[in-house]
Amino acid sequence: MLQNGHEPDTFTFNRLMDRLCKESKLQEVNKLLYLMIKEGCNLNVITYNILIDGLCKQRKLDEARKLFSETSEKNISHDVVNTMYLSMVYVSKASWMRR
């Protein structure tokens, strides 16, 4: 994309990160996130939802919680999706720990 002179935007990065998260390629997601920031793209609530979802599905709950907290620090409003999802994950974590 960059080689063809096309600058990726937040939407493009979000789509790529979503695909990588679904393929459990979190290391690649981190590289893409770094590139996104380097290219000056804004992380939005959709970006955070994708990242939080990917982390939770890999059971990296502490990292997901930190990312959720980061949204407040960056004045990105929580939406119903990420708030409810993280709540459900913590309920699931409690049941995992009881087993």
N, C-alpha and C. Protein backbone atom coordinates (compact mmCIF):
# COMPACT_ATOMS: atom_id res chain seq x y z
N MET A 1 0.82 -1.18 0.00
CA MET A 1 0.00 0.00 0.00
C MET A 1 0.87 1.26 0.00
N LEU A 2 1.80 1.30 0.96
CA LEU A 2 2.70 2.44 1.03
C LEU A 2 3.58 2.52 -0.22
N GLN A 3 3.95 1.36 -0.74
CA GLN A 3 4.81 1.32 -1.92
C GLN A 3 4.10 1.89 -3.14
N ASN A 4 2.77 1.81 -3.16
CA ASN A 4 1.99 2.33 -4.27
C ASN A 4 1.60 3.79 -4.08
N GLY A 5 2.10 4.40 -3.03
CA GLY A 5 1.81 5.81 -2.76
C GLY A 5 0.50 6.05 -2.04
N HIS A 6 -0.16 5.00 -1.58
CA HIS A 6 -1.42 5.14 -0.84
C HIS A 6 -1.13 5.17 0.65
N GLU A 7 -1.62 6.19 1.30
CA GLU A 7 -1.44 6.31 2.75
C GLU A 7 -2.60 5.62 3.46
N PRO A 8 -2.32 4.62 4.29
CA PRO A 8 -3.40 3.98 5.04
C PRO A 8 -3.98 4.93 6.08
N ASP A 9 -5.26 4.80 6.32
CA ASP A 9 -5.91 5.63 7.33
C ASP A 9 -6.33 4.74 8.50
N THR A 10 -6.98 5.34 9.47
CA THR A 10 -7.40 4.60 10.66
C THR A 10 -8.30 3.43 10.29
N PHE A 11 -9.21 3.64 9.37
CA PHE A 11 -10.12 2.57 8.94
C PHE A 11 -9.33 1.38 8.40
N THR A 12 -8.35 1.66 7.55
CA THR A 12 -7.54 0.61 6.94
C THR A 12 -6.76 -0.16 8.01
N PHE A 13 -6.11 0.58 8.90
CA PHE A 13 -5.36 -0.08 9.98
C PHE A 13 -6.28 -0.92 10.86
N ASN A 14 -7.47 -0.40 11.17
CA ASN A 14 -8.41 -1.14 12.00
C ASN A 14 -8.80 -2.46 11.34
N ARG A 15 -9.06 -2.42 10.05
CA ARG A 15 -9.44 -3.65 9.32
C ARG A 15 -8.30 -4.68 9.38
N LEU A 16 -7.08 -4.21 9.16
CA LEU A 16 -5.93 -5.12 9.19
C LEU A 16 -5.73 -5.70 10.59
N MET A 17 -5.83 -4.84 11.61
CA MET A 17 -5.66 -5.32 12.98
C MET A 17 -6.75 -6.31 13.36
N ASP A 18 -7.96 -6.05 12.92
CA ASP A 18 -9.06 -6.96 13.22
C ASP A 18 -8.78 -8.34 12.64
N ARG A 19 -8.32 -8.39 11.41
CA ARG A 19 -8.00 -9.67 10.76
C ARG A 19 -6.87 -10.39 11.52
N LEU A 20 -5.83 -9.64 11.86
CA LEU A 20 -4.70 -10.24 12.58
C LEU A 20 -5.12 -10.76 13.96
N CYS A 21 -5.98 -10.00 14.64
CA CYS A 21 -6.47 -10.45 15.95
C CYS A 21 -7.26 -11.75 15.80
N LYS A 22 -8.09 -11.83 14.78
CA LYS A 22 -8.88 -13.03 14.55
C LYS A 22 -8.01 -14.23 14.22
N GLU A 23 -6.82 -13.97 13.71
CA GLU A 23 -5.87 -15.04 13.40
C GLU A 23 -4.88 -15.27 14.55
N SER A 24 -5.13 -14.61 15.68
CA SER A 24 -4.31 -14.73 16.89
C SER A 24 -2.86 -14.34 16.66
N LYS A 25 -2.63 -13.35 15.82
CA LYS A 25 -1.28 -12.88 15.51
C LYS A 25 -1.01 -11.57 16.25
N LEU A 26 -0.97 -11.65 17.57
CA LEU A 26 -0.84 -10.45 18.38
C LEU A 26 0.50 -9.74 18.20
N GLN A 27 1.53 -10.48 17.90
CA GLN A 27 2.83 -9.85 17.66
C GLN A 27 2.76 -8.96 16.41
N GLU A 28 2.07 -9.44 15.40
CA GLU A 28 1.89 -8.66 14.17
C GLU A 28 0.99 -7.45 14.43
N VAL A 29 0.01 -7.63 15.30
CA VAL A 29 -0.88 -6.52 15.67
C VAL A 29 -0.06 -5.41 16.33
N ASN A 30 0.86 -5.78 17.21
CA ASN A 30 1.71 -4.78 17.87
C ASN A 30 2.55 -4.01 16.87
N LYS A 31 3.09 -4.71 15.88
CA LYS A 31 3.88 -4.04 14.84
C LYS A 31 3.01 -3.07 14.05
N LEU A 32 1.80 -3.50 13.73
CA LEU A 32 0.88 -2.66 12.98
C LEU A 32 0.45 -1.45 13.80
N LEU A 33 0.24 -1.66 15.09
CA LEU A 33 -0.12 -0.56 15.98
C LEU A 33 0.99 0.48 16.04
N TYR A 34 2.23 0.01 16.14
CA TYR A 34 3.38 0.91 16.13
C TYR A 34 3.42 1.71 14.83
N LEU A 35 3.21 1.03 13.70
CA LEU A 35 3.21 1.71 12.40
C LEU A 35 2.07 2.71 12.30
N MET A 36 0.93 2.35 12.83
CA MET A 36 -0.23 3.24 12.82
C MET A 36 0.09 4.54 13.55
N ILE A 37 0.68 4.42 14.71
CA ILE A 37 1.05 5.60 15.50
C ILE A 37 2.13 6.40 14.77
N LYS A 38 3.11 5.70 14.24
CA LYS A 38 4.21 6.35 13.51
C LYS A 38 3.70 7.14 12.30
N GLU A 39 2.68 6.60 11.64
CA GLU A 39 2.11 7.25 10.45
C GLU A 39 1.16 8.39 10.82
N GLY A 40 0.93 8.56 12.11
CA GLY A 40 0.08 9.68 12.56
C GLY A 40 -1.41 9.41 12.51
N CYS A 41 -1.79 8.15 12.43
CA CYS A 41 -3.21 7.80 12.44
C CYS A 41 -3.72 7.84 13.88
N ASN A 42 -4.93 8.29 14.03
CA ASN A 42 -5.54 8.36 15.35
C ASN A 42 -6.14 7.03 15.74
N LEU A 43 -5.88 6.62 16.97
CA LEU A 43 -6.54 5.44 17.51
C LEU A 43 -7.91 5.89 17.99
N ASN A 44 -8.94 5.17 17.59
CA ASN A 44 -10.28 5.55 18.00
C ASN A 44 -10.92 4.42 18.80
N VAL A 45 -12.16 4.59 19.19
CA VAL A 45 -12.84 3.59 20.03
C VAL A 45 -12.90 2.25 19.30
N ILE A 46 -13.00 2.26 17.99
CA ILE A 46 -13.04 1.01 17.23
C ILE A 46 -11.69 0.31 17.32
N THR A 47 -10.60 1.07 17.21
CA THR A 47 -9.26 0.50 17.35
C THR A 47 -9.13 -0.19 18.70
N TYR A 48 -9.54 0.50 19.75
CA TYR A 48 -9.45 -0.07 21.10
C TYR A 48 -10.35 -1.29 21.26
N ASN A 49 -11.55 -1.27 20.69
CA ASN A 49 -12.43 -2.43 20.76
C ASN A 49 -11.77 -3.65 20.12
N ILE A 50 -11.15 -3.45 18.97
CA ILE A 50 -10.47 -4.54 18.27
C ILE A 50 -9.34 -5.09 19.13
N LEU A 51 -8.52 -4.20 19.67
CA LEU A 51 -7.38 -4.62 20.48
C LEU A 51 -7.81 -5.33 21.76
N ILE A 52 -8.80 -4.77 22.44
CA ILE A 52 -9.29 -5.36 23.69
C ILE A 52 -9.90 -6.73 23.41
N ASP A 53 -10.67 -6.83 22.35
CA ASP A 53 -11.27 -8.11 21.97
C ASP A 53 -10.19 -9.15 21.68
N GLY A 54 -9.18 -8.76 20.90
CA GLY A 54 -8.09 -9.68 20.57
C GLY A 54 -7.33 -10.16 21.79
N LEU A 55 -7.06 -9.24 22.70
CA LEU A 55 -6.35 -9.60 23.93
C LEU A 55 -7.20 -10.53 24.81
N CYS A 56 -8.47 -10.22 24.94
CA CYS A 56 -9.34 -11.05 25.77
C CYS A 56 -9.46 -12.46 25.21
N LYS A 57 -9.56 -12.58 23.91
CA LYS A 57 -9.69 -13.90 23.30
C LYS A 57 -8.42 -14.72 23.47
N GLN A 58 -7.30 -14.05 23.69
CA GLN A 58 -6.05 -14.75 23.96
C GLN A 58 -5.80 -14.88 25.47
N ARG A 59 -6.81 -14.52 26.24
CA ARG A 59 -6.78 -14.56 27.72
C ARG A 59 -5.68 -13.69 28.31
N LYS A 60 -5.40 -12.60 27.65
CA LYS A 60 -4.44 -11.61 28.16
C LYS A 60 -5.27 -10.49 28.81
N LEU A 61 -5.92 -10.87 29.90
CA LEU A 61 -6.91 -9.99 30.51
C LEU A 61 -6.31 -8.77 31.18
N ASP A 62 -5.14 -8.92 31.78
CA ASP A 62 -4.51 -7.76 32.41
C ASP A 62 -4.12 -6.72 31.37
N GLU A 63 -3.62 -7.19 30.22
CA GLU A 63 -3.27 -6.25 29.14
C GLU A 63 -4.53 -5.57 28.60
N ALA A 64 -5.61 -6.33 28.49
CA ALA A 64 -6.87 -5.76 28.00
C ALA A 64 -7.38 -4.69 28.97
N ARG A 65 -7.27 -4.98 30.27
CA ARG A 65 -7.72 -4.00 31.27
C ARG A 65 -6.89 -2.73 31.20
N LYS A 66 -5.58 -2.88 31.02
CA LYS A 66 -4.70 -1.71 30.91
C LYS A 66 -5.08 -0.87 29.70
N LEU A 67 -5.36 -1.54 28.60
CA LEU A 67 -5.74 -0.84 27.39
C LEU A 67 -7.07 -0.12 27.57
N PHE A 68 -7.99 -0.78 28.27
CA PHE A 68 -9.29 -0.17 28.57
C PHE A 68 -9.09 1.09 29.40
N SER A 69 -8.20 1.03 30.38
CA SER A 69 -7.91 2.21 31.22
C SER A 69 -7.26 3.32 30.40
N GLU A 70 -6.44 2.92 29.44
CA GLU A 70 -5.76 3.90 28.60
C GLU A 70 -6.75 4.76 27.81
N THR A 71 -7.89 4.20 27.48
CA THR A 71 -8.88 4.97 26.72
C THR A 71 -9.34 6.19 27.52
N SER A 72 -9.49 6.02 28.82
CA SER A 72 -9.89 7.15 29.67
C SER A 72 -8.80 8.21 29.71
N GLU A 73 -7.56 7.76 29.83
CA GLU A 73 -6.43 8.68 29.89
C GLU A 73 -6.31 9.50 28.61
N LYS A 74 -6.71 8.91 27.49
CA LYS A 74 -6.61 9.58 26.20
C LYS A 74 -7.91 10.24 25.78
N ASN A 75 -8.85 10.33 26.73
CA ASN A 75 -10.16 10.94 26.47
C ASN A 75 -10.92 10.29 25.32
N ILE A 76 -10.76 8.99 25.20
CA ILE A 76 -11.56 8.23 24.23
C ILE A 76 -12.69 7.63 25.03
N SER A 77 -13.91 7.96 24.64
CA SER A 77 -15.05 7.51 25.43
C SER A 77 -15.26 6.02 25.28
N HIS A 78 -15.60 5.40 26.39
CA HIS A 78 -15.94 3.98 26.37
C HIS A 78 -17.29 3.85 25.69
N ASP A 79 -17.44 2.82 24.91
CA ASP A 79 -18.76 2.57 24.37
C ASP A 79 -19.34 1.33 25.02
N VAL A 80 -20.57 1.06 24.73
CA VAL A 80 -21.26 -0.06 25.33
C VAL A 80 -20.55 -1.37 25.00
N VAL A 81 -20.03 -1.47 23.79
CA VAL A 81 -19.40 -2.72 23.36
C VAL A 81 -18.20 -3.06 24.22
N ASN A 82 -17.23 -2.14 24.35
CA ASN A 82 -16.03 -2.52 25.11
C ASN A 82 -16.30 -2.62 26.60
N THR A 83 -17.21 -1.85 27.12
CA THR A 83 -17.54 -1.93 28.54
C THR A 83 -18.19 -3.27 28.87
N MET A 84 -19.19 -3.65 28.08
CA MET A 84 -19.87 -4.92 28.33
C MET A 84 -18.95 -6.10 28.07
N TYR A 85 -18.15 -6.02 27.03
CA TYR A 85 -17.27 -7.13 26.68
C TYR A 85 -16.28 -7.39 27.80
N LEU A 86 -15.65 -6.34 28.28
CA LEU A 86 -14.67 -6.51 29.35
C LEU A 86 -15.34 -7.04 30.62
N SER A 87 -16.54 -6.59 30.89
CA SER A 87 -17.28 -7.10 32.05
C SER A 87 -17.55 -8.59 31.92
N MET A 88 -17.96 -9.03 30.73
CA MET A 88 -18.23 -10.44 30.50
C MET A 88 -16.96 -11.27 30.63
N VAL A 89 -15.86 -10.72 30.17
CA VAL A 89 -14.59 -11.43 30.25
C VAL A 89 -14.19 -11.65 31.70
N TYR A 90 -14.37 -10.64 32.54
CA TYR A 90 -14.00 -10.80 33.95
C TYR A 90 -14.90 -11.81 34.66
N VAL A 91 -16.17 -11.88 34.26
CA VAL A 91 -17.05 -12.89 34.81
C VAL A 91 -16.55 -14.27 34.38
N SER A 92 -16.15 -14.39 33.12
CA SER A 92 -15.62 -15.67 32.61
C SER A 92 -14.33 -16.03 33.33
N LYS A 93 -13.48 -15.03 33.56
CA LYS A 93 -12.22 -15.28 34.25
C LYS A 93 -12.47 -15.85 35.64
N ALA A 94 -13.46 -15.33 36.31
CA ALA A 94 -13.79 -15.82 37.65
C ALA A 94 -14.19 -17.29 37.58
N SER A 95 -14.94 -17.66 36.55
CA SER A 95 -15.35 -19.07 36.45
C SER A 95 -14.18 -19.95 36.06
N TRP A 96 -13.22 -19.44 35.23
CA TRP A 96 -12.02 -20.20 34.87
C TRP A 96 -11.20 -20.49 36.12
N MET A 97 -11.11 -19.48 36.99
CA MET A 97 -10.26 -19.60 38.16
C MET A 97 -10.86 -20.59 39.18
N ARG A 98 -12.18 -20.75 39.18
CA ARG A 98 -12.83 -21.65 40.11
C ARG A 98 -12.65 -23.12 39.71
N ARG A 99 -12.30 -23.36 38.47
CA ARG A 99 -12.19 -24.75 37.99
C ARG A 99 -11.00 -25.45 38.53
